[in-house]
Amino acid sequence: MPAGAPDYDRNVFINCPFDPAYRPLFEAVVFAVLACGHLAHSALEIDDGGRVRFGKIAELIGQCRLGIHDISRTDLSSAGGLPRFNMPLERGLFLGALHYGTGAQRRKRCLVMDADRARYRDFISDLAGHDIKAHGDDPRQAIVAVRDFLRNASGVRLPGGAAVAAAYAEFSAALPAILRQARIGPDEMTFADTTAIIFDWLTPKERSAGP
């Protein structure tokens, strides 16, 4: 789908950690994006062994006007003793599309989150001057940051962050039963499962506030 297509303005590229400890934050961010009437996308949705992964991610970023980048995971891995650089790479691709792209790519907007608002200065000082939003590893704070970003970037009226966070708490309480009924284990949820389950939960309750 080329930039400028009908869904370009609603597409949100989520660039975040995928480790199990981050899972509650990841689900909260995806929930907030969908509850605010946007479409969530992630490198996790790419499953095509016939194409180079970097090219697929670059194409996906090109299809999304909005981006959410969480740079809170900079810990060294237990195996190699090195940090993972996928998130800075994808963040760089997004900024490159904004600065060097043309047409609709120049309208890209992004949210940068971290556990602490000033921590980035110790490992990626080139972000100086950017408004980093701190989530404190708290899903509720992440939801409020995402909701406020989407409200400002889209210009669409949305429920407040507290209302979206309350809806997420209801969804989280209902999720175990939903997974049992779908015969999906908690550790088996793919990105496609996550977005479909959240969307189905939101739709009958008419909590989506899309344009």
N, C-alpha and C. Protein backbone atom coordinates (compact mmCIF):
# COMPACT_ATOMS: atom_id res chain seq x y z
N MET A 1 0.86 -1.20 0.00
CA MET A 1 0.00 0.00 0.00
C MET A 1 0.89 1.24 0.00
N PRO A 2 0.79 2.08 -0.99
CA PRO A 2 1.64 3.25 -1.06
C PRO A 2 1.24 4.32 -0.06
N ALA A 3 2.22 5.17 0.31
CA ALA A 3 1.90 6.31 1.17
C ALA A 3 0.87 7.17 0.46
N GLY A 4 -0.07 7.69 1.21
CA GLY A 4 -1.11 8.50 0.63
C GLY A 4 -2.39 7.71 0.38
N ALA A 5 -2.32 6.36 0.52
CA ALA A 5 -3.52 5.55 0.41
C ALA A 5 -4.43 5.87 1.59
N PRO A 6 -5.73 5.51 1.52
CA PRO A 6 -6.69 5.90 2.55
C PRO A 6 -6.26 5.57 3.97
N ASP A 7 -5.59 4.44 4.20
CA ASP A 7 -5.22 4.05 5.55
C ASP A 7 -3.88 4.62 6.01
N TYR A 8 -3.17 5.32 5.16
CA TYR A 8 -1.84 5.80 5.53
C TYR A 8 -1.89 6.65 6.80
N ASP A 9 -2.86 7.55 6.88
CA ASP A 9 -2.94 8.44 8.04
C ASP A 9 -3.32 7.71 9.32
N ARG A 10 -3.95 6.54 9.20
CA ARG A 10 -4.38 5.78 10.38
C ARG A 10 -3.37 4.71 10.79
N ASN A 11 -2.44 4.41 9.90
CA ASN A 11 -1.47 3.36 10.19
C ASN A 11 -0.41 3.84 11.17
N VAL A 12 -0.18 3.02 12.20
CA VAL A 12 0.79 3.36 13.25
C VAL A 12 1.82 2.23 13.34
N PHE A 13 3.07 2.56 13.11
CA PHE A 13 4.14 1.58 13.23
C PHE A 13 4.63 1.56 14.67
N ILE A 14 4.54 0.40 15.32
CA ILE A 14 4.95 0.27 16.73
C ILE A 14 6.33 -0.38 16.77
N ASN A 15 7.30 0.36 17.22
CA ASN A 15 8.69 -0.08 17.31
C ASN A 15 9.03 -0.20 18.79
N CYS A 16 9.02 -1.42 19.30
CA CYS A 16 9.20 -1.60 20.74
C CYS A 16 9.86 -2.95 21.03
N PRO A 17 10.25 -3.18 22.27
CA PRO A 17 10.84 -4.48 22.63
C PRO A 17 9.80 -5.59 22.52
N PHE A 18 10.28 -6.80 22.32
CA PHE A 18 9.38 -7.95 22.22
C PHE A 18 9.65 -8.99 23.30
N ASP A 19 10.43 -8.64 24.33
CA ASP A 19 10.74 -9.61 25.38
C ASP A 19 9.52 -9.84 26.26
N PRO A 20 9.44 -11.00 26.92
CA PRO A 20 8.26 -11.32 27.74
C PRO A 20 7.96 -10.28 28.82
N ALA A 21 9.01 -9.70 29.42
CA ALA A 21 8.78 -8.72 30.48
C ALA A 21 8.09 -7.47 29.96
N TYR A 22 8.27 -7.18 28.67
CA TYR A 22 7.66 -5.98 28.08
C TYR A 22 6.23 -6.24 27.60
N ARG A 23 5.82 -7.50 27.57
CA ARG A 23 4.53 -7.87 26.97
C ARG A 23 3.34 -7.04 27.47
N PRO A 24 3.20 -6.79 28.78
CA PRO A 24 2.06 -5.96 29.22
C PRO A 24 2.06 -4.56 28.61
N LEU A 25 3.25 -3.96 28.48
CA LEU A 25 3.33 -2.65 27.86
C LEU A 25 2.99 -2.72 26.38
N PHE A 26 3.47 -3.76 25.71
CA PHE A 26 3.20 -3.94 24.29
C PHE A 26 1.69 -4.06 24.04
N GLU A 27 1.04 -4.92 24.81
CA GLU A 27 -0.41 -5.08 24.64
C GLU A 27 -1.15 -3.77 24.93
N ALA A 28 -0.67 -3.03 25.94
CA ALA A 28 -1.31 -1.75 26.27
C ALA A 28 -1.18 -0.76 25.13
N VAL A 29 -0.01 -0.69 24.51
CA VAL A 29 0.22 0.23 23.39
C VAL A 29 -0.66 -0.15 22.20
N VAL A 30 -0.70 -1.44 21.86
CA VAL A 30 -1.53 -1.91 20.75
C VAL A 30 -3.01 -1.60 21.04
N PHE A 31 -3.43 -1.86 22.28
CA PHE A 31 -4.82 -1.58 22.67
C PHE A 31 -5.13 -0.10 22.48
N ALA A 32 -4.24 0.77 22.96
CA ALA A 32 -4.49 2.21 22.85
C ALA A 32 -4.61 2.65 21.40
N VAL A 33 -3.73 2.12 20.54
CA VAL A 33 -3.77 2.48 19.12
C VAL A 33 -5.12 2.08 18.52
N LEU A 34 -5.57 0.85 18.77
CA LEU A 34 -6.83 0.38 18.20
C LEU A 34 -8.03 1.09 18.83
N ALA A 35 -7.98 1.32 20.14
CA ALA A 35 -9.09 1.99 20.81
C ALA A 35 -9.25 3.43 20.34
N CYS A 36 -8.18 4.01 19.83
CA CYS A 36 -8.24 5.38 19.33
C CYS A 36 -8.55 5.43 17.83
N GLY A 37 -8.95 4.28 17.27
CA GLY A 37 -9.41 4.26 15.89
C GLY A 37 -8.32 4.17 14.85
N HIS A 38 -7.11 3.82 15.26
CA HIS A 38 -6.01 3.68 14.31
C HIS A 38 -5.70 2.20 14.08
N LEU A 39 -4.78 1.93 13.16
CA LEU A 39 -4.41 0.57 12.80
C LEU A 39 -2.98 0.31 13.25
N ALA A 40 -2.78 -0.75 14.02
CA ALA A 40 -1.48 -1.06 14.59
C ALA A 40 -0.67 -1.96 13.66
N HIS A 41 0.61 -1.62 13.48
CA HIS A 41 1.52 -2.41 12.66
C HIS A 41 2.83 -2.59 13.41
N SER A 42 3.50 -3.70 13.13
CA SER A 42 4.75 -4.02 13.82
C SER A 42 5.57 -4.96 12.95
N ALA A 43 6.87 -4.98 13.18
CA ALA A 43 7.74 -5.93 12.49
C ALA A 43 7.30 -7.36 12.78
N LEU A 44 6.57 -7.57 13.87
CA LEU A 44 6.11 -8.91 14.22
C LEU A 44 5.11 -9.48 13.20
N GLU A 45 4.48 -8.61 12.44
CA GLU A 45 3.49 -9.11 11.47
C GLU A 45 4.15 -9.63 10.20
N ILE A 46 5.45 -9.43 10.06
CA ILE A 46 6.17 -9.86 8.88
C ILE A 46 6.56 -11.33 9.01
N ASP A 47 6.06 -12.16 8.11
CA ASP A 47 6.37 -13.59 8.13
C ASP A 47 6.44 -14.08 6.70
N ASP A 48 7.53 -13.73 6.03
CA ASP A 48 7.69 -14.06 4.62
C ASP A 48 9.15 -14.42 4.39
N GLY A 49 9.42 -15.72 4.37
CA GLY A 49 10.80 -16.17 4.20
C GLY A 49 11.38 -15.89 2.84
N GLY A 50 10.56 -15.45 1.89
CA GLY A 50 11.04 -15.20 0.55
C GLY A 50 11.57 -13.80 0.33
N ARG A 51 11.53 -12.95 1.36
CA ARG A 51 11.98 -11.57 1.18
C ARG A 51 12.93 -11.18 2.31
N VAL A 52 13.84 -10.26 2.01
CA VAL A 52 14.79 -9.77 3.01
C VAL A 52 14.04 -8.97 4.07
N ARG A 53 14.28 -9.28 5.35
CA ARG A 53 13.52 -8.67 6.44
C ARG A 53 13.68 -7.15 6.47
N PHE A 54 14.88 -6.65 6.26
CA PHE A 54 15.10 -5.20 6.32
C PHE A 54 14.21 -4.49 5.30
N GLY A 55 14.14 -5.04 4.10
CA GLY A 55 13.32 -4.42 3.07
C GLY A 55 11.85 -4.43 3.43
N LYS A 56 11.41 -5.52 4.07
CA LYS A 56 10.00 -5.62 4.47
C LYS A 56 9.67 -4.59 5.55
N ILE A 57 10.59 -4.41 6.50
CA ILE A 57 10.36 -3.42 7.56
C ILE A 57 10.34 -2.01 6.97
N ALA A 58 11.27 -1.73 6.06
CA ALA A 58 11.31 -0.42 5.42
C ALA A 58 10.01 -0.14 4.67
N GLU A 59 9.49 -1.16 3.97
CA GLU A 59 8.22 -1.00 3.25
C GLU A 59 7.07 -0.74 4.21
N LEU A 60 7.06 -1.45 5.34
CA LEU A 60 6.00 -1.27 6.33
C LEU A 60 6.05 0.13 6.92
N ILE A 61 7.24 0.61 7.24
CA ILE A 61 7.39 1.97 7.77
C ILE A 61 6.89 2.99 6.76
N GLY A 62 7.16 2.73 5.48
CA GLY A 62 6.69 3.65 4.45
C GLY A 62 5.19 3.74 4.36
N GLN A 63 4.49 2.71 4.84
CA GLN A 63 3.03 2.66 4.77
C GLN A 63 2.36 3.32 5.98
N CYS A 64 3.15 3.76 6.95
CA CYS A 64 2.60 4.30 8.20
C CYS A 64 2.98 5.76 8.38
N ARG A 65 1.98 6.63 8.54
CA ARG A 65 2.30 8.04 8.80
C ARG A 65 2.78 8.25 10.22
N LEU A 66 2.28 7.42 11.15
CA LEU A 66 2.58 7.62 12.56
C LEU A 66 3.47 6.50 13.09
N GLY A 67 4.31 6.84 14.04
CA GLY A 67 5.20 5.84 14.63
C GLY A 67 5.29 6.01 16.13
N ILE A 68 5.38 4.87 16.83
CA ILE A 68 5.59 4.86 18.28
C ILE A 68 6.87 4.08 18.53
N HIS A 69 7.84 4.74 19.15
CA HIS A 69 9.15 4.14 19.34
C HIS A 69 9.49 4.12 20.84
N ASP A 70 9.63 2.92 21.38
CA ASP A 70 9.98 2.78 22.79
C ASP A 70 11.45 2.36 22.87
N ILE A 71 12.28 3.21 23.46
CA ILE A 71 13.72 2.96 23.53
C ILE A 71 14.14 2.55 24.94
N SER A 72 13.20 1.96 25.69
CA SER A 72 13.47 1.68 27.10
C SER A 72 14.31 0.44 27.35
N ARG A 73 14.53 -0.42 26.33
CA ARG A 73 15.29 -1.64 26.54
C ARG A 73 16.70 -1.49 25.97
N THR A 74 17.65 -1.15 26.82
CA THR A 74 19.05 -1.02 26.39
C THR A 74 19.94 -1.95 27.20
N ASP A 75 19.34 -2.90 27.93
CA ASP A 75 20.12 -3.82 28.75
C ASP A 75 20.94 -4.76 27.87
N LEU A 76 22.06 -5.23 28.41
CA LEU A 76 22.89 -6.18 27.69
C LEU A 76 22.27 -7.56 27.77
N SER A 77 22.35 -8.31 26.67
CA SER A 77 21.80 -9.66 26.66
C SER A 77 22.67 -10.58 27.51
N SER A 78 22.04 -11.61 28.07
CA SER A 78 22.78 -12.56 28.90
C SER A 78 23.67 -13.45 28.04
N ALA A 79 23.30 -13.63 26.77
CA ALA A 79 24.05 -14.54 25.90
C ALA A 79 25.33 -13.88 25.36
N GLY A 80 25.18 -12.77 24.66
CA GLY A 80 26.35 -12.16 24.02
C GLY A 80 26.89 -10.95 24.74
N GLY A 81 26.19 -10.48 25.77
CA GLY A 81 26.66 -9.31 26.49
C GLY A 81 26.56 -8.02 25.69
N LEU A 82 25.64 -7.99 24.73
CA LEU A 82 25.46 -6.82 23.88
C LEU A 82 23.99 -6.41 23.88
N PRO A 83 23.71 -5.11 23.67
CA PRO A 83 22.31 -4.69 23.56
C PRO A 83 21.77 -5.03 22.19
N ARG A 84 20.44 -5.06 22.07
CA ARG A 84 19.82 -5.27 20.77
C ARG A 84 19.60 -3.91 20.10
N PHE A 85 19.92 -3.83 18.81
CA PHE A 85 19.87 -2.56 18.11
C PHE A 85 18.72 -2.47 17.12
N ASN A 86 17.77 -3.42 17.17
CA ASN A 86 16.65 -3.36 16.23
C ASN A 86 15.84 -2.09 16.39
N MET A 87 15.59 -1.68 17.63
CA MET A 87 14.74 -0.50 17.85
C MET A 87 15.40 0.79 17.35
N PRO A 88 16.69 1.04 17.66
CA PRO A 88 17.32 2.24 17.09
C PRO A 88 17.37 2.20 15.56
N LEU A 89 17.55 1.00 14.98
CA LEU A 89 17.58 0.89 13.52
C LEU A 89 16.23 1.26 12.93
N GLU A 90 15.15 0.73 13.49
CA GLU A 90 13.82 1.02 12.96
C GLU A 90 13.44 2.48 13.20
N ARG A 91 13.86 3.03 14.32
CA ARG A 91 13.65 4.46 14.59
C ARG A 91 14.38 5.29 13.54
N GLY A 92 15.61 4.89 13.19
CA GLY A 92 16.37 5.61 12.17
C GLY A 92 15.72 5.53 10.80
N LEU A 93 15.16 4.37 10.47
CA LEU A 93 14.46 4.23 9.20
C LEU A 93 13.26 5.18 9.13
N PHE A 94 12.53 5.26 10.25
CA PHE A 94 11.35 6.13 10.29
C PHE A 94 11.76 7.59 10.09
N LEU A 95 12.81 8.02 10.79
CA LEU A 95 13.27 9.40 10.65
C LEU A 95 13.82 9.66 9.25
N GLY A 96 14.49 8.65 8.68
CA GLY A 96 14.99 8.81 7.32
C GLY A 96 13.87 9.01 6.32
N ALA A 97 12.78 8.24 6.49
CA ALA A 97 11.63 8.41 5.59
C ALA A 97 11.04 9.81 5.72
N LEU A 98 11.03 10.33 6.95
CA LEU A 98 10.49 11.68 7.18
C LEU A 98 11.38 12.74 6.54
N HIS A 99 12.68 12.64 6.74
CA HIS A 99 13.58 13.71 6.31
C HIS A 99 13.97 13.63 4.84
N TYR A 100 14.02 12.44 4.29
CA TYR A 100 14.46 12.29 2.91
C TYR A 100 13.34 11.88 1.96
N GLY A 101 12.19 11.53 2.50
CA GLY A 101 11.07 11.15 1.65
C GLY A 101 10.40 12.38 1.04
N THR A 102 9.42 12.09 0.20
CA THR A 102 8.67 13.17 -0.43
C THR A 102 7.18 12.94 -0.21
N GLY A 103 6.38 13.94 -0.53
CA GLY A 103 4.93 13.82 -0.46
C GLY A 103 4.45 13.47 0.93
N ALA A 104 3.66 12.39 1.01
CA ALA A 104 3.04 12.00 2.28
C ALA A 104 4.07 11.61 3.33
N GLN A 105 5.26 11.15 2.92
CA GLN A 105 6.28 10.77 3.90
C GLN A 105 6.71 11.96 4.77
N ARG A 106 6.62 13.15 4.22
CA ARG A 106 7.04 14.34 4.98
C ARG A 106 6.03 14.70 6.06
N ARG A 107 4.87 14.03 6.07
CA ARG A 107 3.86 14.30 7.09
C ARG A 107 3.95 13.32 8.26
N LYS A 108 4.98 12.49 8.28
CA LYS A 108 5.12 11.52 9.37
C LYS A 108 5.27 12.23 10.72
N ARG A 109 4.75 11.61 11.76
CA ARG A 109 4.89 12.09 13.13
C ARG A 109 5.18 10.89 14.02
N CYS A 110 5.95 11.11 15.08
CA CYS A 110 6.26 9.96 15.93
C CYS A 110 6.30 10.34 17.41
N LEU A 111 6.07 9.33 18.20
CA LEU A 111 6.16 9.42 19.66
C LEU A 111 7.36 8.58 20.10
N VAL A 112 8.20 9.16 20.94
CA VAL A 112 9.33 8.42 21.51
C VAL A 112 9.09 8.27 23.00
N MET A 113 9.13 7.01 23.47
CA MET A 113 8.91 6.74 24.89
C MET A 113 10.13 6.05 25.49
N ASP A 114 10.29 6.26 26.78
CA ASP A 114 11.35 5.58 27.53
C ASP A 114 10.82 5.37 28.94
N ALA A 115 11.51 4.53 29.69
CA ALA A 115 11.09 4.31 31.08
C ALA A 115 11.26 5.59 31.88
N ASP A 116 12.31 6.36 31.57
CA ASP A 116 12.58 7.63 32.24
C ASP A 116 12.82 8.69 31.18
N ARG A 117 12.33 9.89 31.41
CA ARG A 117 12.36 10.92 30.38
C ARG A 117 13.77 11.38 30.00
N ALA A 118 14.72 11.30 30.93
CA ALA A 118 16.06 11.83 30.67
C ALA A 118 17.10 10.74 30.45
N ARG A 119 16.73 9.47 30.54
CA ARG A 119 17.69 8.39 30.47
C ARG A 119 18.41 8.30 29.12
N TYR A 120 17.72 8.71 28.04
CA TYR A 120 18.28 8.58 26.70
C TYR A 120 19.60 9.32 26.55
N ARG A 121 19.84 10.34 27.38
CA ARG A 121 21.06 11.14 27.26
C ARG A 121 22.33 10.31 27.46
N ASP A 122 22.18 9.18 28.15
CA ASP A 122 23.35 8.34 28.43
C ASP A 122 23.71 7.41 27.29
N PHE A 123 22.79 7.21 26.31
CA PHE A 123 23.11 6.23 25.27
C PHE A 123 22.71 6.64 23.86
N ILE A 124 21.95 7.73 23.70
CA ILE A 124 21.59 8.18 22.36
C ILE A 124 21.36 9.70 22.40
N SER A 125 22.44 10.42 22.57
CA SER A 125 22.37 11.86 22.79
C SER A 125 21.84 12.62 21.58
N ASP A 126 21.84 12.00 20.39
CA ASP A 126 21.33 12.68 19.21
C ASP A 126 19.82 12.95 19.30
N LEU A 127 19.16 12.35 20.29
CA LEU A 127 17.74 12.63 20.49
C LEU A 127 17.51 13.91 21.29
N ALA A 128 18.58 14.59 21.64
CA ALA A 128 18.44 15.84 22.39
C ALA A 128 17.53 16.80 21.64
N GLY A 129 16.61 17.40 22.34
CA GLY A 129 15.66 18.31 21.72
C GLY A 129 14.32 17.66 21.42
N HIS A 130 14.28 16.32 21.44
CA HIS A 130 13.02 15.62 21.23
C HIS A 130 12.26 15.53 22.55
N ASP A 131 10.95 15.53 22.46
CA ASP A 131 10.11 15.43 23.65
C ASP A 131 9.89 13.96 23.97
N ILE A 132 10.70 13.41 24.87
CA ILE A 132 10.60 12.01 25.25
C ILE A 132 9.53 11.85 26.33
N LYS A 133 8.60 10.91 26.13
CA LYS A 133 7.56 10.65 27.11
C LYS A 133 7.95 9.45 27.97
N ALA A 134 7.86 9.60 29.28
CA ALA A 134 8.23 8.53 30.20
C ALA A 134 7.00 7.71 30.56
N HIS A 135 7.14 6.37 30.48
CA HIS A 135 6.03 5.51 30.90
C HIS A 135 6.32 4.78 32.21
N GLY A 136 7.55 4.86 32.71
CA GLY A 136 7.86 4.26 34.00
C GLY A 136 7.55 2.78 34.08
N ASP A 137 7.58 2.08 32.93
CA ASP A 137 7.23 0.65 32.86
C ASP A 137 5.80 0.38 33.35
N ASP A 138 4.94 1.39 33.23
CA ASP A 138 3.55 1.29 33.68
C ASP A 138 2.64 1.34 32.45
N PRO A 139 1.88 0.25 32.17
CA PRO A 139 1.00 0.25 31.00
C PRO A 139 0.04 1.44 30.96
N ARG A 140 -0.46 1.85 32.13
CA ARG A 140 -1.40 2.96 32.14
C ARG A 140 -0.74 4.25 31.63
N GLN A 141 0.48 4.52 32.07
CA GLN A 141 1.19 5.71 31.61
C GLN A 141 1.48 5.63 30.11
N ALA A 142 1.80 4.43 29.64
CA ALA A 142 2.05 4.26 28.21
C ALA A 142 0.78 4.54 27.41
N ILE A 143 -0.35 4.08 27.90
CA ILE A 143 -1.63 4.31 27.22
C ILE A 143 -1.93 5.80 27.13
N VAL A 144 -1.74 6.52 28.23
CA VAL A 144 -1.99 7.97 28.23
C VAL A 144 -1.09 8.67 27.22
N ALA A 145 0.19 8.28 27.17
CA ALA A 145 1.12 8.90 26.22
C ALA A 145 0.70 8.63 24.78
N VAL A 146 0.30 7.39 24.49
CA VAL A 146 -0.13 7.04 23.14
C VAL A 146 -1.41 7.78 22.77
N ARG A 147 -2.37 7.81 23.69
CA ARG A 147 -3.63 8.51 23.41
C ARG A 147 -3.39 9.99 23.12
N ASP A 148 -2.58 10.65 23.93
CA ASP A 148 -2.32 12.07 23.74
C ASP A 148 -1.60 12.32 22.41
N PHE A 149 -0.66 11.44 22.08
CA PHE A 149 0.06 11.57 20.80
C PHE A 149 -0.91 11.45 19.62
N LEU A 150 -1.77 10.44 19.65
CA LEU A 150 -2.70 10.23 18.55
C LEU A 150 -3.73 11.35 18.46
N ARG A 151 -4.13 11.88 19.61
CA ARG A 151 -5.06 13.02 19.60
C ARG A 151 -4.44 14.21 18.89
N ASN A 152 -3.20 14.52 19.21
CA ASN A 152 -2.54 15.68 18.63
C ASN A 152 -2.18 15.45 17.16
N ALA A 153 -1.76 14.22 16.84
CA ALA A 153 -1.31 13.94 15.48
C ALA A 153 -2.46 13.82 14.49
N SER A 154 -3.62 13.36 14.96
CA SER A 154 -4.74 13.14 14.05
C SER A 154 -5.76 14.28 14.05
N GLY A 155 -5.82 15.01 15.16
CA GLY A 155 -6.81 16.07 15.27
C GLY A 155 -8.22 15.55 15.52
N VAL A 156 -8.34 14.24 15.76
CA VAL A 156 -9.65 13.62 16.00
C VAL A 156 -9.96 13.62 17.49
N ARG A 157 -11.18 13.92 17.86
CA ARG A 157 -11.57 13.87 19.27
C ARG A 157 -11.55 12.44 19.77
N LEU A 158 -10.96 12.24 20.94
CA LEU A 158 -10.82 10.91 21.51
C LEU A 158 -11.18 10.92 22.99
N PRO A 159 -11.58 9.77 23.55
CA PRO A 159 -11.75 9.70 25.01
C PRO A 159 -10.42 10.02 25.70
N GLY A 160 -10.49 10.47 26.92
CA GLY A 160 -9.28 10.80 27.66
C GLY A 160 -8.44 9.57 27.96
N GLY A 161 -7.19 9.80 28.33
CA GLY A 161 -6.29 8.70 28.63
C GLY A 161 -6.78 7.81 29.75
N ALA A 162 -7.41 8.40 30.76
CA ALA A 162 -7.92 7.61 31.88
C ALA A 162 -9.02 6.66 31.41
N ALA A 163 -9.86 7.12 30.49
CA ALA A 163 -10.94 6.28 29.98
C ALA A 163 -10.39 5.12 29.15
N VAL A 164 -9.38 5.40 28.33
CA VAL A 164 -8.76 4.33 27.53
C VAL A 164 -8.06 3.33 28.43
N ALA A 165 -7.38 3.83 29.47
CA ALA A 165 -6.70 2.94 30.42
C ALA A 165 -7.69 2.07 31.18
N ALA A 166 -8.84 2.63 31.54
CA ALA A 166 -9.87 1.85 32.23
C ALA A 166 -10.41 0.75 31.33
N ALA A 167 -10.59 1.07 30.04
CA ALA A 167 -11.05 0.05 29.10
C ALA A 167 -10.02 -1.05 28.96
N TYR A 168 -8.74 -0.68 28.97
CA TYR A 168 -7.69 -1.69 28.87
C TYR A 168 -7.70 -2.60 30.10
N ALA A 169 -7.95 -2.05 31.26
CA ALA A 169 -8.02 -2.87 32.47
C ALA A 169 -9.16 -3.88 32.36
N GLU A 170 -10.30 -3.46 31.81
CA GLU A 170 -11.41 -4.39 31.59
C GLU A 170 -11.02 -5.48 30.59
N PHE A 171 -10.35 -5.07 29.53
CA PHE A 171 -9.93 -6.04 28.52
C PHE A 171 -8.95 -7.05 29.12
N SER A 172 -7.99 -6.58 29.90
CA SER A 172 -7.00 -7.47 30.51
C SER A 172 -7.67 -8.50 31.41
N ALA A 173 -8.70 -8.06 32.13
CA ALA A 173 -9.42 -8.98 33.01
C ALA A 173 -10.19 -10.03 32.20
N ALA A 174 -10.66 -9.65 31.03
CA ALA A 174 -11.44 -10.57 30.19
C ALA A 174 -10.56 -11.47 29.33
N LEU A 175 -9.29 -11.08 29.13
CA LEU A 175 -8.43 -11.79 28.19
C LEU A 175 -8.24 -13.27 28.48
N PRO A 176 -8.00 -13.70 29.72
CA PRO A 176 -7.82 -15.14 29.95
C PRO A 176 -9.00 -15.98 29.46
N ALA A 177 -10.21 -15.52 29.71
CA ALA A 177 -11.39 -16.26 29.24
C ALA A 177 -11.49 -16.25 27.72
N ILE A 178 -11.13 -15.13 27.11
CA ILE A 178 -11.14 -15.03 25.65
C ILE A 178 -10.17 -16.03 25.04
N LEU A 179 -8.98 -16.12 25.63
CA LEU A 179 -7.98 -17.04 25.11
C LEU A 179 -8.39 -18.50 25.29
N ARG A 180 -9.02 -18.80 26.43
CA ARG A 180 -9.50 -20.16 26.65
C ARG A 180 -10.54 -20.54 25.61
N GLN A 181 -11.45 -19.62 25.34
CA GLN A 181 -12.50 -19.89 24.36
C GLN A 181 -11.91 -20.07 22.96
N ALA A 182 -10.86 -19.29 22.65
CA ALA A 182 -10.23 -19.38 21.34
C ALA A 182 -9.21 -20.51 21.26
N ARG A 183 -8.97 -21.17 22.40
CA ARG A 183 -8.00 -22.26 22.49
C ARG A 183 -6.60 -21.79 22.07
N ILE A 184 -6.24 -20.61 22.59
CA ILE A 184 -4.92 -20.03 22.36
C ILE A 184 -4.24 -19.86 23.70
N GLY A 185 -3.05 -20.39 23.85
CA GLY A 185 -2.31 -20.21 25.09
C GLY A 185 -1.77 -18.80 25.19
N PRO A 186 -1.60 -18.27 26.41
CA PRO A 186 -1.09 -16.91 26.58
C PRO A 186 0.25 -16.67 25.88
N ASP A 187 1.08 -17.73 25.82
CA ASP A 187 2.38 -17.59 25.18
C ASP A 187 2.33 -17.85 23.68
N GLU A 188 1.15 -18.19 23.17
CA GLU A 188 1.00 -18.49 21.75
C GLU A 188 0.45 -17.32 20.94
N MET A 189 0.08 -16.24 21.60
CA MET A 189 -0.52 -15.10 20.90
C MET A 189 0.48 -14.46 19.94
N THR A 190 0.13 -14.47 18.66
CA THR A 190 0.92 -13.75 17.68
C THR A 190 0.45 -12.30 17.63
N PHE A 191 1.14 -11.48 16.84
CA PHE A 191 0.71 -10.10 16.68
C PHE A 191 -0.67 -10.05 16.03
N ALA A 192 -0.89 -10.94 15.05
CA ALA A 192 -2.20 -10.99 14.40
C ALA A 192 -3.28 -11.39 15.39
N ASP A 193 -2.97 -12.37 16.28
CA ASP A 193 -3.93 -12.76 17.31
C ASP A 193 -4.26 -11.57 18.22
N THR A 194 -3.21 -10.87 18.64
CA THR A 194 -3.39 -9.76 19.58
C THR A 194 -4.28 -8.67 18.99
N THR A 195 -3.99 -8.25 17.77
CA THR A 195 -4.79 -7.17 17.17
C THR A 195 -6.23 -7.63 16.91
N ALA A 196 -6.39 -8.88 16.47
CA ALA A 196 -7.75 -9.38 16.18
C ALA A 196 -8.58 -9.49 17.45
N ILE A 197 -7.97 -10.00 18.53
CA ILE A 197 -8.71 -10.16 19.79
C ILE A 197 -9.09 -8.80 20.36
N ILE A 198 -8.16 -7.86 20.34
CA ILE A 198 -8.47 -6.52 20.85
C ILE A 198 -9.56 -5.87 20.01
N PHE A 199 -9.43 -5.96 18.69
CA PHE A 199 -10.43 -5.34 17.81
C PHE A 199 -11.81 -5.94 18.05
N ASP A 200 -11.88 -7.27 18.16
CA ASP A 200 -13.17 -7.92 18.40
C ASP A 200 -13.76 -7.50 19.74
N TRP A 201 -12.90 -7.33 20.75
CA TRP A 201 -13.40 -6.92 22.06
C TRP A 201 -13.92 -5.47 22.03
N LEU A 202 -13.23 -4.63 21.28
CA LEU A 202 -13.64 -3.23 21.20
C LEU A 202 -14.91 -3.03 20.38
N THR A 203 -15.02 -3.74 19.28
CA THR A 203 -16.09 -3.47 18.32
C THR A 203 -17.51 -3.55 18.90
N PRO A 204 -17.90 -4.65 19.57
CA PRO A 204 -19.28 -4.70 20.08
C PRO A 204 -19.55 -3.68 21.16
N LYS A 205 -18.49 -3.23 21.84
CA LYS A 205 -18.68 -2.26 22.92
C LYS A 205 -18.62 -0.84 22.39
N GLU A 206 -18.34 -0.70 21.08
CA GLU A 206 -18.29 0.61 20.43
C GLU A 206 -17.36 1.56 21.16
N ARG A 207 -16.20 1.03 21.59
CA ARG A 207 -15.24 1.91 22.25
C ARG A 207 -14.27 2.53 21.27
N SER A 208 -14.25 2.03 20.04
CA SER A 208 -13.34 2.60 19.04
C SER A 208 -13.77 4.04 18.74
N ALA A 209 -12.79 4.94 18.70
CA ALA A 209 -13.10 6.35 18.46
C ALA A 209 -12.47 6.82 17.18
N GLY A 210 -12.55 6.00 16.15
CA GLY A 210 -11.89 6.34 14.88
C GLY A 210 -12.56 7.46 14.14
N PRO A 211 -11.86 7.96 13.11
CA PRO A 211 -12.41 9.06 12.32
C PRO A 211 -13.55 8.58 11.43
